[in-house]
Amino acid sequence: MNVRTTLAIVFTSLALLFTAGCAVTRGQETVGAYVDDTAITTAVKSRFVENKTVDAAAISVETLNGTVMLSGFAKNTSEKLTAETIARGVKGVKAVKNEIAIRP
């Protein structure tokens, strides 16, 4: 009986040790920050889809601690600026880094 209890404790401890590290990624402080960033990214992407002047498929959105990074390609300067304006209008966005390149 003692061997079973010891093995159960060891396996449970190992499982907790390895799964606890999976909760937070990309240097974020809390799971809540990760969830907030995911919500921001989803909101920005959905607004891109709703807007007919922004090609949502050509622009990538990543969020880290409330800072949104836009990358990809735009047809013109107007599309690039519109994407940035849309991203800035999403609740929870602290800053926007616009790295969208304009196709020649």
PDB file of N, CA and C in Angstrom:
ATOM      1  N   MET A   1       0.822  -1.192   0.000  1.00  0.00           N
ATOM      2  CA  MET A   1       0.000   0.000   0.000  1.00  0.00           C
ATOM      3  C   MET A   1       0.865   1.255   0.000  1.00  0.00           C
ATOM      4  N   ASN A   2       1.967   1.259   0.713  1.00  0.00           N
ATOM      5  CA  ASN A   2       2.848   2.417   0.777  1.00  0.00           C
ATOM      6  C   ASN A   2       3.506   2.691  -0.568  1.00  0.00           C
ATOM      7  N   VAL A   3       3.807   1.640  -1.316  1.00  0.00           N
ATOM      8  CA  VAL A   3       4.416   1.809  -2.630  1.00  0.00           C
ATOM      9  C   VAL A   3       3.433   2.489  -3.576  1.00  0.00           C
ATOM     10  N   ARG A   4       2.179   2.083  -3.544  1.00  0.00           N
ATOM     11  CA  ARG A   4       1.152   2.708  -4.394  1.00  0.00           C
ATOM     12  C   ARG A   4       0.977   4.184  -4.052  1.00  0.00           C
ATOM     13  N   THR A   5       0.927   4.489  -2.802  1.00  0.00           N
ATOM     14  CA  THR A   5       0.759   5.871  -2.368  1.00  0.00           C
ATOM     15  C   THR A   5       1.959   6.714  -2.799  1.00  0.00           C
ATOM     16  N   THR A   6       3.138   6.171  -2.637  1.00  0.00           N
ATOM     17  CA  THR A   6       4.342   6.891  -3.025  1.00  0.00           C
ATOM     18  C   THR A   6       4.375   7.138  -4.526  1.00  0.00           C
ATOM     19  N   LEU A   7       4.047   6.114  -5.320  1.00  0.00           N
ATOM     20  CA  LEU A   7       4.007   6.267  -6.777  1.00  0.00           C
ATOM     21  C   LEU A   7       2.957   7.285  -7.205  1.00  0.00           C
ATOM     22  N   ALA A   8       1.811   7.255  -6.562  1.00  0.00           N
ATOM     23  CA  ALA A   8       0.747   8.211  -6.894  1.00  0.00           C
ATOM     24  C   ALA A   8       1.200   9.641  -6.603  1.00  0.00           C
ATOM     25  N   ILE A   9       1.872   9.844  -5.498  1.00  0.00           N
ATOM     26  CA  ILE A   9       2.355  11.173  -5.143  1.00  0.00           C
ATOM     27  C   ILE A   9       3.420  11.633  -6.130  1.00  0.00           C
ATOM     28  N   VAL A  10       4.325  10.733  -6.509  1.00  0.00           N
ATOM     29  CA  VAL A  10       5.386  11.084  -7.463  1.00  0.00           C
ATOM     30  C   VAL A  10       4.787  11.458  -8.812  1.00  0.00           C
ATOM     31  N   PHE A  11       3.864  10.641  -9.328  1.00  0.00           N
ATOM     32  CA  PHE A  11       3.263  10.933 -10.628  1.00  0.00           C
ATOM     33  C   PHE A  11       2.437  12.213 -10.605  1.00  0.00           C
ATOM     34  N   THR A  12       1.724  12.447  -9.529  1.00  0.00           N
ATOM     35  CA  THR A  12       0.941  13.675  -9.405  1.00  0.00           C
ATOM     36  C   THR A  12       1.855  14.897  -9.346  1.00  0.00           C
ATOM     37  N   SER A  13       2.942  14.777  -8.602  1.00  0.00           N
ATOM     38  CA  SER A  13       3.894  15.893  -8.514  1.00  0.00           C
ATOM     39  C   SER A  13       4.516  16.202  -9.868  1.00  0.00           C
ATOM     40  N   LEU A  14       4.903  15.166 -10.597  1.00  0.00           N
ATOM     41  CA  LEU A  14       5.475  15.372 -11.924  1.00  0.00           C
ATOM     42  C   LEU A  14       4.466  15.997 -12.884  1.00  0.00           C
ATOM     43  N   ALA A  15       3.234  15.528 -12.827  1.00  0.00           N
ATOM     44  CA  ALA A  15       2.201  16.089 -13.704  1.00  0.00           C
ATOM     45  C   ALA A  15       1.979  17.569 -13.402  1.00  0.00           C
ATOM     46  N   LEU A  16       1.910  17.917 -12.141  1.00  0.00           N
ATOM     47  CA  LEU A  16       1.731  19.325 -11.766  1.00  0.00           C
ATOM     48  C   LEU A  16       2.930  20.171 -12.168  1.00  0.00           C
ATOM     49  N   LEU A  17       4.105  19.623 -12.039  1.00  0.00           N
ATOM     50  CA  LEU A  17       5.317  20.350 -12.392  1.00  0.00           C
ATOM     51  C   LEU A  17       5.357  20.675 -13.882  1.00  0.00           C
ATOM     52  N   PHE A  18       5.005  19.707 -14.715  1.00  0.00           N
ATOM     53  CA  PHE A  18       5.092  19.919 -16.159  1.00  0.00           C
ATOM     54  C   PHE A  18       3.912  20.704 -16.723  1.00  0.00           C
ATOM     55  N   THR A  19       2.735  20.568 -16.157  1.00  0.00           N
ATOM     56  CA  THR A  19       1.585  21.306 -16.686  1.00  0.00           C
ATOM     57  C   THR A  19       1.531  22.738 -16.198  1.00  0.00           C
ATOM     58  N   ALA A  20       2.132  23.045 -15.081  1.00  0.00           N
ATOM     59  CA  ALA A  20       2.119  24.423 -14.575  1.00  0.00           C
ATOM     60  C   ALA A  20       2.880  25.355 -15.502  1.00  0.00           C
ATOM     61  N   GLY A  21       3.909  24.887 -16.147  1.00  0.00           N
ATOM     62  CA  GLY A  21       4.688  25.699 -17.068  1.00  0.00           C
ATOM     63  C   GLY A  21       3.973  26.000 -18.362  1.00  0.00           C
ATOM     64  N   CYS A  22       2.914  25.273 -18.669  1.00  0.00           N
ATOM     65  CA  CYS A  22       2.192  25.457 -19.927  1.00  0.00           C
ATOM     66  C   CYS A  22       1.148  26.556 -19.851  1.00  0.00           C
ATOM     67  N   ALA A  23       0.868  27.064 -18.676  1.00  0.00           N
ATOM     68  CA  ALA A  23      -0.227  28.005 -18.512  1.00  0.00           C
ATOM     69  C   ALA A  23       0.048  29.362 -19.141  1.00  0.00           C
ATOM     70  N   VAL A  24       1.272  29.841 -19.077  1.00  0.00           N
ATOM     71  CA  VAL A  24       1.584  31.168 -19.575  1.00  0.00           C
ATOM     72  C   VAL A  24       2.703  31.047 -20.596  1.00  0.00           C
ATOM     73  N   THR A  25       2.547  31.759 -21.712  1.00  0.00           N
ATOM     74  CA  THR A  25       3.556  31.680 -22.765  1.00  0.00           C
ATOM     75  C   THR A  25       4.036  33.067 -23.146  1.00  0.00           C
ATOM     76  N   ARG A  26       5.064  33.131 -23.933  1.00  0.00           N
ATOM     77  CA  ARG A  26       5.599  34.355 -24.521  1.00  0.00           C
ATOM     78  C   ARG A  26       5.983  35.414 -23.499  1.00  0.00           C
ATOM     79  N   GLY A  27       6.427  35.026 -22.317  1.00  0.00           N
ATOM     80  CA  GLY A  27       6.916  35.998 -21.352  1.00  0.00           C
ATOM     81  C   GLY A  27       5.830  36.819 -20.661  1.00  0.00           C
ATOM     82  N   GLN A  28       4.593  36.385 -20.754  1.00  0.00           N
ATOM     83  CA  GLN A  28       3.534  37.135 -20.098  1.00  0.00           C
ATOM     84  C   GLN A  28       3.495  36.805 -18.616  1.00  0.00           C
ATOM     85  N   GLU A  29       2.970  37.710 -17.848  1.00  0.00           N
ATOM     86  CA  GLU A  29       2.991  37.530 -16.407  1.00  0.00           C
ATOM     87  C   GLU A  29       1.901  36.608 -15.904  1.00  0.00           C
ATOM     88  N   THR A  30       0.716  36.651 -16.476  1.00  0.00           N
ATOM     89  CA  THR A  30      -0.395  35.856 -15.962  1.00  0.00           C
ATOM     90  C   THR A  30      -1.164  35.212 -17.097  1.00  0.00           C
ATOM     91  N   VAL A  31      -1.966  34.232 -16.737  1.00  0.00           N
ATOM     92  CA  VAL A  31      -2.857  33.616 -17.712  1.00  0.00           C
ATOM     93  C   VAL A  31      -3.889  34.641 -18.172  1.00  0.00           C
ATOM     94  N   GLY A  32      -4.301  35.519 -17.276  1.00  0.00           N
ATOM     95  CA  GLY A  32      -5.267  36.565 -17.629  1.00  0.00           C
ATOM     96  C   GLY A  32      -4.734  37.473 -18.723  1.00  0.00           C
ATOM     97  N   ALA A  33      -3.443  37.790 -18.678  1.00  0.00           N
ATOM     98  CA  ALA A  33      -2.845  38.628 -19.717  1.00  0.00           C
ATOM     99  C   ALA A  33      -2.876  37.910 -21.055  1.00  0.00           C
ATOM    100  N   TYR A  34      -2.624  36.609 -21.040  1.00  0.00           N
ATOM    101  CA  TYR A  34      -2.672  35.823 -22.278  1.00  0.00           C
ATOM    102  C   TYR A  34      -4.088  35.820 -22.854  1.00  0.00           C
ATOM    103  N   VAL A  35      -5.080  35.637 -21.994  1.00  0.00           N
ATOM    104  CA  VAL A  35      -6.474  35.635 -22.444  1.00  0.00           C
ATOM    105  C   VAL A  35      -6.853  37.003 -22.990  1.00  0.00           C
ATOM    106  N   ASP A  36      -6.435  38.070 -22.323  1.00  0.00           N
ATOM    107  CA  ASP A  36      -6.711  39.426 -22.797  1.00  0.00           C
ATOM    108  C   ASP A  36      -6.091  39.666 -24.169  1.00  0.00           C
ATOM    109  N   ASP A  37      -4.849  39.237 -24.344  1.00  0.00           N
ATOM    110  CA  ASP A  37      -4.172  39.416 -25.634  1.00  0.00           C
ATOM    111  C   ASP A  37      -4.870  38.637 -26.739  1.00  0.00           C
ATOM    112  N   THR A  38      -5.333  37.441 -26.424  1.00  0.00           N
ATOM    113  CA  THR A  38      -6.053  36.637 -27.412  1.00  0.00           C
ATOM    114  C   THR A  38      -7.361  37.318 -27.800  1.00  0.00           C
ATOM    115  N   ALA A  39      -8.054  37.885 -26.829  1.00  0.00           N
ATOM    116  CA  ALA A  39      -9.311  38.593 -27.111  1.00  0.00           C
ATOM    117  C   ALA A  39      -9.060  39.820 -27.990  1.00  0.00           C
ATOM    118  N   ILE A  40      -7.983  40.539 -27.715  1.00  0.00           N
ATOM    119  CA  ILE A  40      -7.642  41.713 -28.522  1.00  0.00           C
ATOM    120  C   ILE A  40      -7.339  41.302 -29.959  1.00  0.00           C
ATOM    121  N   THR A  41      -6.518  40.265 -30.123  1.00  0.00           N
ATOM    122  CA  THR A  41      -6.178  39.788 -31.464  1.00  0.00           C
ATOM    123  C   THR A  41      -7.425  39.386 -32.231  1.00  0.00           C
ATOM    124  N   THR A  42      -8.308  38.658 -31.584  1.00  0.00           N
ATOM    125  CA  THR A  42      -9.551  38.225 -32.234  1.00  0.00           C
ATOM    126  C   THR A  42     -10.423  39.411 -32.623  1.00  0.00           C
ATOM    127  N   ALA A  43     -10.510  40.403 -31.737  1.00  0.00           N
ATOM    128  CA  ALA A  43     -11.325  41.581 -32.032  1.00  0.00           C
ATOM    129  C   ALA A  43     -10.762  42.362 -33.225  1.00  0.00           C
ATOM    130  N   VAL A  44      -9.435  42.529 -33.269  1.00  0.00           N
ATOM    131  CA  VAL A  44      -8.820  43.261 -34.380  1.00  0.00           C
ATOM    132  C   VAL A  44      -9.060  42.517 -35.691  1.00  0.00           C
ATOM    133  N   LYS A  45      -8.836  41.206 -35.689  1.00  0.00           N
ATOM    134  CA  LYS A  45      -9.035  40.420 -36.914  1.00  0.00           C
ATOM    135  C   LYS A  45     -10.488  40.476 -37.385  1.00  0.00           C
ATOM    136  N   SER A  46     -11.420  40.385 -36.457  1.00  0.00           N
ATOM    137  CA  SER A  46     -12.832  40.423 -36.864  1.00  0.00           C
ATOM    138  C   SER A  46     -13.224  41.786 -37.432  1.00  0.00           C
ATOM    139  N   ARG A  47     -12.641  42.850 -36.890  1.00  0.00           N
ATOM    140  CA  ARG A  47     -12.920  44.184 -37.449  1.00  0.00           C
ATOM    141  C   ARG A  47     -12.296  44.349 -38.831  1.00  0.00           C
ATOM    142  N   PHE A  48     -11.151  43.704 -39.054  1.00  0.00           N
ATOM    143  CA  PHE A  48     -10.557  43.711 -40.388  1.00  0.00           C
ATOM    144  C   PHE A  48     -11.490  43.020 -41.384  1.00  0.00           C
ATOM    145  N   VAL A  49     -12.075  41.906 -40.974  1.00  0.00           N
ATOM    146  CA  VAL A  49     -12.986  41.165 -41.856  1.00  0.00           C
ATOM    147  C   VAL A  49     -14.226  41.999 -42.167  1.00  0.00           C
ATOM    148  N   GLU A  50     -14.744  42.711 -41.177  1.00  0.00           N
ATOM    149  CA  GLU A  50     -15.927  43.548 -41.372  1.00  0.00           C
ATOM    150  C   GLU A  50     -15.654  44.727 -42.293  1.00  0.00           C
ATOM    151  N   ASN A  51     -14.439  45.239 -42.259  1.00  0.00           N
ATOM    152  CA  ASN A  51     -14.079  46.413 -43.052  1.00  0.00           C
ATOM    153  C   ASN A  51     -13.706  45.980 -44.467  1.00  0.00           C
ATOM    154  N   LYS A  52     -14.335  46.572 -45.444  1.00  0.00           N
ATOM    155  CA  LYS A  52     -14.119  46.167 -46.837  1.00  0.00           C
ATOM    156  C   LYS A  52     -12.836  46.734 -47.448  1.00  0.00           C
ATOM    157  N   THR A  53     -12.232  47.730 -46.813  1.00  0.00           N
ATOM    158  CA  THR A  53     -11.026  48.331 -47.385  1.00  0.00           C
ATOM    159  C   THR A  53      -9.739  47.648 -46.913  1.00  0.00           C
ATOM    160  N   VAL A  54      -9.845  46.789 -45.907  1.00  0.00           N
ATOM    161  CA  VAL A  54      -8.669  46.090 -45.378  1.00  0.00           C
ATOM    162  C   VAL A  54      -8.750  44.618 -45.763  1.00  0.00           C
ATOM    163  N   ASP A  55      -7.676  44.112 -46.365  1.00  0.00           N
ATOM    164  CA  ASP A  55      -7.607  42.699 -46.727  1.00  0.00           C
ATOM    165  C   ASP A  55      -7.155  41.912 -45.499  1.00  0.00           C
ATOM    166  N   ALA A  56      -8.115  41.331 -44.787  1.00  0.00           N
ATOM    167  CA  ALA A  56      -7.824  40.645 -43.536  1.00  0.00           C
ATOM    168  C   ALA A  56      -6.886  39.454 -43.729  1.00  0.00           C
ATOM    169  N   ALA A  57      -6.923  38.833 -44.884  1.00  0.00           N
ATOM    170  CA  ALA A  57      -6.080  37.668 -45.142  1.00  0.00           C
ATOM    171  C   ALA A  57      -4.615  38.051 -45.352  1.00  0.00           C
ATOM    172  N   ALA A  58      -4.356  39.287 -45.736  1.00  0.00           N
ATOM    173  CA  ALA A  58      -2.992  39.717 -46.043  1.00  0.00           C
ATOM    174  C   ALA A  58      -2.277  40.359 -44.849  1.00  0.00           C
ATOM    175  N   ILE A  59      -3.000  40.583 -43.754  1.00  0.00           N
ATOM    176  CA  ILE A  59      -2.412  41.262 -42.599  1.00  0.00           C
ATOM    177  C   ILE A  59      -2.475  40.346 -41.378  1.00  0.00           C
ATOM    178  N   SER A  60      -1.325  40.149 -40.747  1.00  0.00           N
ATOM    179  CA  SER A  60      -1.237  39.334 -39.532  1.00  0.00           C
ATOM    180  C   SER A  60      -1.335  40.231 -38.306  1.00  0.00           C
ATOM    181  N   VAL A  61      -1.952  39.695 -37.267  1.00  0.00           N
ATOM    182  CA  VAL A  61      -2.118  40.441 -36.019  1.00  0.00           C
ATOM    183  C   VAL A  61      -1.573  39.591 -34.875  1.00  0.00           C
ATOM    184  N   GLU A  62      -0.685  40.161 -34.080  1.00  0.00           N
ATOM    185  CA  GLU A  62      -0.183  39.512 -32.877  1.00  0.00           C
ATOM    186  C   GLU A  62      -0.264  40.520 -31.733  1.00  0.00           C
ATOM    187  N   THR A  63      -0.583  40.023 -30.554  1.00  0.00           N
ATOM    188  CA  THR A  63      -0.713  40.909 -29.398  1.00  0.00           C
ATOM    189  C   THR A  63       0.110  40.370 -28.241  1.00  0.00           C
ATOM    190  N   LEU A  64       0.848  41.252 -27.583  1.00  0.00           N
ATOM    191  CA  LEU A  64       1.620  40.885 -26.405  1.00  0.00           C
ATOM    192  C   LEU A  64       1.506  42.003 -25.381  1.00  0.00           C
ATOM    193  N   ASN A  65       0.914  41.679 -24.261  1.00  0.00           N
ATOM    194  CA  ASN A  65       0.719  42.644 -23.169  1.00  0.00           C
ATOM    195  C   ASN A  65       0.026  43.917 -23.637  1.00  0.00           C
ATOM    196  N   GLY A  66      -0.962  43.778 -24.502  1.00  0.00           N
ATOM    197  CA  GLY A  66      -1.750  44.914 -24.966  1.00  0.00           C
ATOM    198  C   GLY A  66      -1.164  45.662 -26.153  1.00  0.00           C
ATOM    199  N   THR A  67       0.035  45.303 -26.573  1.00  0.00           N
ATOM    200  CA  THR A  67       0.648  45.930 -27.741  1.00  0.00           C
ATOM    201  C   THR A  67       0.373  45.070 -28.964  1.00  0.00           C
ATOM    202  N   VAL A  68      -0.267  45.666 -29.953  1.00  0.00           N
ATOM    203  CA  VAL A  68      -0.642  44.949 -31.178  1.00  0.00           C
ATOM    204  C   VAL A  68       0.427  45.181 -32.239  1.00  0.00           C
ATOM    205  N   MET A  69       0.869  44.098 -32.865  1.00  0.00           N
ATOM    206  CA  MET A  69       1.832  44.190 -33.965  1.00  0.00           C
ATOM    207  C   MET A  69       1.126  43.763 -35.245  1.00  0.00           C
ATOM    208  N   LEU A  70       1.117  44.669 -36.209  1.00  0.00           N
ATOM    209  CA  LEU A  70       0.527  44.390 -37.512  1.00  0.00           C
ATOM    210  C   LEU A  70       1.655  44.130 -38.505  1.00  0.00           C
ATOM    211  N   SER A  71       1.529  43.069 -39.275  1.00  0.00           N
ATOM    212  CA  SER A  71       2.515  42.776 -40.308  1.00  0.00           C
ATOM    213  C   SER A  71       1.808  42.177 -41.504  1.00  0.00           C
ATOM    214  N   GLY A  72       2.510  42.135 -42.610  1.00  0.00           N
ATOM    215  CA  GLY A  72       1.915  41.624 -43.835  1.00  0.00           C
ATOM    216  C   GLY A  72       2.010  42.656 -44.933  1.00  0.00           C
ATOM    217  N   PHE A  73       1.040  42.618 -45.848  1.00  0.00           N
ATOM    218  CA  PHE A  73       1.086  43.497 -47.013  1.00  0.00           C
ATOM    219  C   PHE A  73      -0.228  44.244 -47.203  1.00  0.00           C
ATOM    220  N   ALA A  74      -0.100  45.500 -47.633  1.00  0.00           N
ATOM    221  CA  ALA A  74      -1.255  46.332 -47.972  1.00  0.00           C
ATOM    222  C   ALA A  74      -1.122  46.783 -49.421  1.00  0.00           C
ATOM    223  N   LYS A  75      -2.256  47.076 -50.031  1.00  0.00           N
ATOM    224  CA  LYS A  75      -2.249  47.526 -51.426  1.00  0.00           C
ATOM    225  C   LYS A  75      -1.763  48.964 -51.565  1.00  0.00           C
ATOM    226  N   ASN A  76      -2.036  49.772 -50.504  1.00  0.00           N
ATOM    227  CA  ASN A  76      -1.655  51.178 -50.555  1.00  0.00           C
ATOM    228  C   ASN A  76      -1.538  51.735 -49.132  1.00  0.00           C
ATOM    229  N   THR A  77      -1.116  52.986 -49.041  1.00  0.00           N
ATOM    230  CA  THR A  77      -0.942  53.633 -47.742  1.00  0.00           C
ATOM    231  C   THR A  77      -2.256  53.766 -46.995  1.00  0.00           C
ATOM    232  N   SER A  78      -3.319  54.006 -47.722  1.00  0.00           N
ATOM    233  CA  SER A  78      -4.628  54.153 -47.098  1.00  0.00           C
ATOM    234  C   SER A  78      -5.038  52.879 -46.358  1.00  0.00           C
ATOM    235  N   GLU A  79      -4.821  51.732 -46.982  1.00  0.00           N
ATOM    236  CA  GLU A  79      -5.163  50.456 -46.335  1.00  0.00           C
ATOM    237  C   GLU A  79      -4.305  50.241 -45.083  1.00  0.00           C
ATOM    238  N   LYS A  80      -3.026  50.584 -45.164  1.00  0.00           N
ATOM    239  CA  LYS A  80      -2.123  50.440 -44.028  1.00  0.00           C
ATOM    240  C   LYS A  80      -2.582  51.297 -42.854  1.00  0.00           C
ATOM    241  N   LEU A  81      -2.913  52.544 -43.131  1.00  0.00           N
ATOM    242  CA  LEU A  81      -3.355  53.459 -42.072  1.00  0.00           C
ATOM    243  C   LEU A  81      -4.721  53.064 -41.509  1.00  0.00           C
ATOM    244  N   THR A  82      -5.606  52.559 -42.377  1.00  0.00           N
ATOM    245  CA  THR A  82      -6.921  52.112 -41.918  1.00  0.00           C
ATOM    246  C   THR A  82      -6.768  50.932 -40.964  1.00  0.00           C
ATOM    247  N   ALA A  83      -5.875  49.993 -41.290  1.00  0.00           N
ATOM    248  CA  ALA A  83      -5.646  48.840 -40.415  1.00  0.00           C
ATOM    249  C   ALA A  83      -5.142  49.291 -39.049  1.00  0.00           C
ATOM    250  N   GLU A  84      -4.240  50.259 -39.041  1.00  0.00           N
ATOM    251  CA  GLU A  84      -3.718  50.776 -37.778  1.00  0.00           C
ATOM    252  C   GLU A  84      -4.816  51.466 -36.976  1.00  0.00           C
ATOM    253  N   THR A  85      -5.634  52.251 -37.635  1.00  0.00           N
ATOM    254  CA  THR A  85      -6.727  52.957 -36.964  1.00  0.00           C
ATOM    255  C   THR A  85      -7.719  51.973 -36.353  1.00  0.00           C
ATOM    256  N   ILE A  86      -8.028  50.920 -37.094  1.00  0.00           N
ATOM    257  CA  ILE A  86      -8.953  49.898 -36.586  1.00  0.00           C
ATOM    258  C   ILE A  86      -8.362  49.246 -35.343  1.00  0.00           C
ATOM    259  N   ALA A  87      -7.081  48.881 -35.403  1.00  0.00           N
ATOM    260  CA  ALA A  87      -6.433  48.221 -34.264  1.00  0.00           C
ATOM    261  C   ALA A  87      -6.424  49.127 -33.035  1.00  0.00           C
ATOM    262  N   ARG A  88      -6.159  50.420 -33.232  1.00  0.00           N
ATOM    263  CA  ARG A  88      -6.128  51.356 -32.106  1.00  0.00           C
ATOM    264  C   ARG A  88      -7.506  51.507 -31.458  1.00  0.00           C
ATOM    265  N   GLY A  89      -8.567  51.274 -32.221  1.00  0.00           N
ATOM    266  CA  GLY A  89      -9.921  51.437 -31.708  1.00  0.00           C
ATOM    267  C   GLY A  89     -10.451  50.264 -30.902  1.00  0.00           C
ATOM    268  N   VAL A  90      -9.687  49.202 -30.801  1.00  0.00           N
ATOM    269  CA  VAL A  90     -10.130  48.023 -30.049  1.00  0.00           C
ATOM    270  C   VAL A  90      -9.843  48.223 -28.567  1.00  0.00           C
ATOM    271  N   LYS A  91     -10.816  47.869 -27.743  1.00  0.00           N
ATOM    272  CA  LYS A  91     -10.681  48.025 -26.295  1.00  0.00           C
ATOM    273  C   LYS A  91      -9.526  47.170 -25.772  1.00  0.00           C
ATOM    274  N   GLY A  92      -8.690  47.763 -24.948  1.00  0.00           N
ATOM    275  CA  GLY A  92      -7.585  47.049 -24.329  1.00  0.00           C
ATOM    276  C   GLY A  92      -6.249  47.236 -25.026  1.00  0.00           C
ATOM    277  N   VAL A  93      -6.272  47.850 -26.214  1.00  0.00           N
ATOM    278  CA  VAL A  93      -5.026  48.060 -26.957  1.00  0.00           C
ATOM    279  C   VAL A  93      -4.271  49.222 -26.329  1.00  0.00           C
ATOM    280  N   LYS A  94      -3.016  48.975 -25.950  1.00  0.00           N
ATOM    281  CA  LYS A  94      -2.186  50.012 -25.350  1.00  0.00           C
ATOM    282  C   LYS A  94      -1.332  50.718 -26.397  1.00  0.00           C
ATOM    283  N   ALA A  95      -0.879  49.969 -27.399  1.00  0.00           N
ATOM    284  CA  ALA A  95      -0.033  50.530 -28.455  1.00  0.00           C
ATOM    285  C   ALA A  95      -0.160  49.669 -29.697  1.00  0.00           C
ATOM    286  N   VAL A  96       0.182  50.258 -30.853  1.00  0.00           N
ATOM    287  CA  VAL A  96       0.143  49.533 -32.124  1.00  0.00           C
ATOM    288  C   VAL A  96       1.481  49.737 -32.826  1.00  0.00           C
ATOM    289  N   LYS A  97       2.093  48.649 -33.234  1.00  0.00           N
ATOM    290  CA  LYS A  97       3.306  48.691 -34.050  1.00  0.00           C
ATOM    291  C   LYS A  97       2.892  48.269 -35.450  1.00  0.00           C
ATOM    292  N   ASN A  98       2.954  49.195 -36.362  1.00  0.00           N
ATOM    293  CA  ASN A  98       2.507  48.938 -37.733  1.00  0.00           C
ATOM    294  C   ASN A  98       3.699  48.613 -38.615  1.00  0.00           C
ATOM    295  N   GLU A  99       3.909  47.342 -38.887  1.00  0.00           N
ATOM    296  CA  GLU A  99       5.017  46.880 -39.728  1.00  0.00           C
ATOM    297  C   GLU A  99       4.492  46.371 -41.079  1.00  0.00           C
ATOM    298  N   ILE A 100       3.344  46.857 -41.496  1.00  0.00           N
ATOM    299  CA  ILE A 100       2.747  46.441 -42.761  1.00  0.00           C
ATOM    300  C   ILE A 100       3.543  47.066 -43.913  1.00  0.00           C
ATOM    301  N   ALA A 101       3.903  46.239 -44.877  1.00  0.00           N
ATOM    302  CA  ALA A 101       4.618  46.713 -46.056  1.00  0.00           C
ATOM    303  C   ALA A 101       3.614  46.979 -47.177  1.00  0.00           C
ATOM    304  N   ILE A 102       3.892  47.991 -47.974  1.00  0.00           N
ATOM    305  CA  ILE A 102       3.025  48.324 -49.116  1.00  0.00           C
ATOM    306  C   ILE A 102       3.570  47.629 -50.350  1.00  0.00           C
ATOM    307  N   ARG A 103       2.693  46.881 -50.991  1.00  0.00           N
ATOM    308  CA  ARG A 103       3.108  46.191 -52.233  1.00  0.00           C
ATOM    309  C   ARG A 103       3.361  47.192 -53.325  1.00  0.00           C
ATOM    310  N   PRO A 104       4.435  46.972 -54.092  1.00  0.00           N
ATOM    311  CA  PRO A 104       4.735  47.894 -55.192  1.00  0.00           C
ATOM    312  C   PRO A 104       3.758  47.724 -56.361  1.00  0.00           C
TER     313      PRO A 104
END
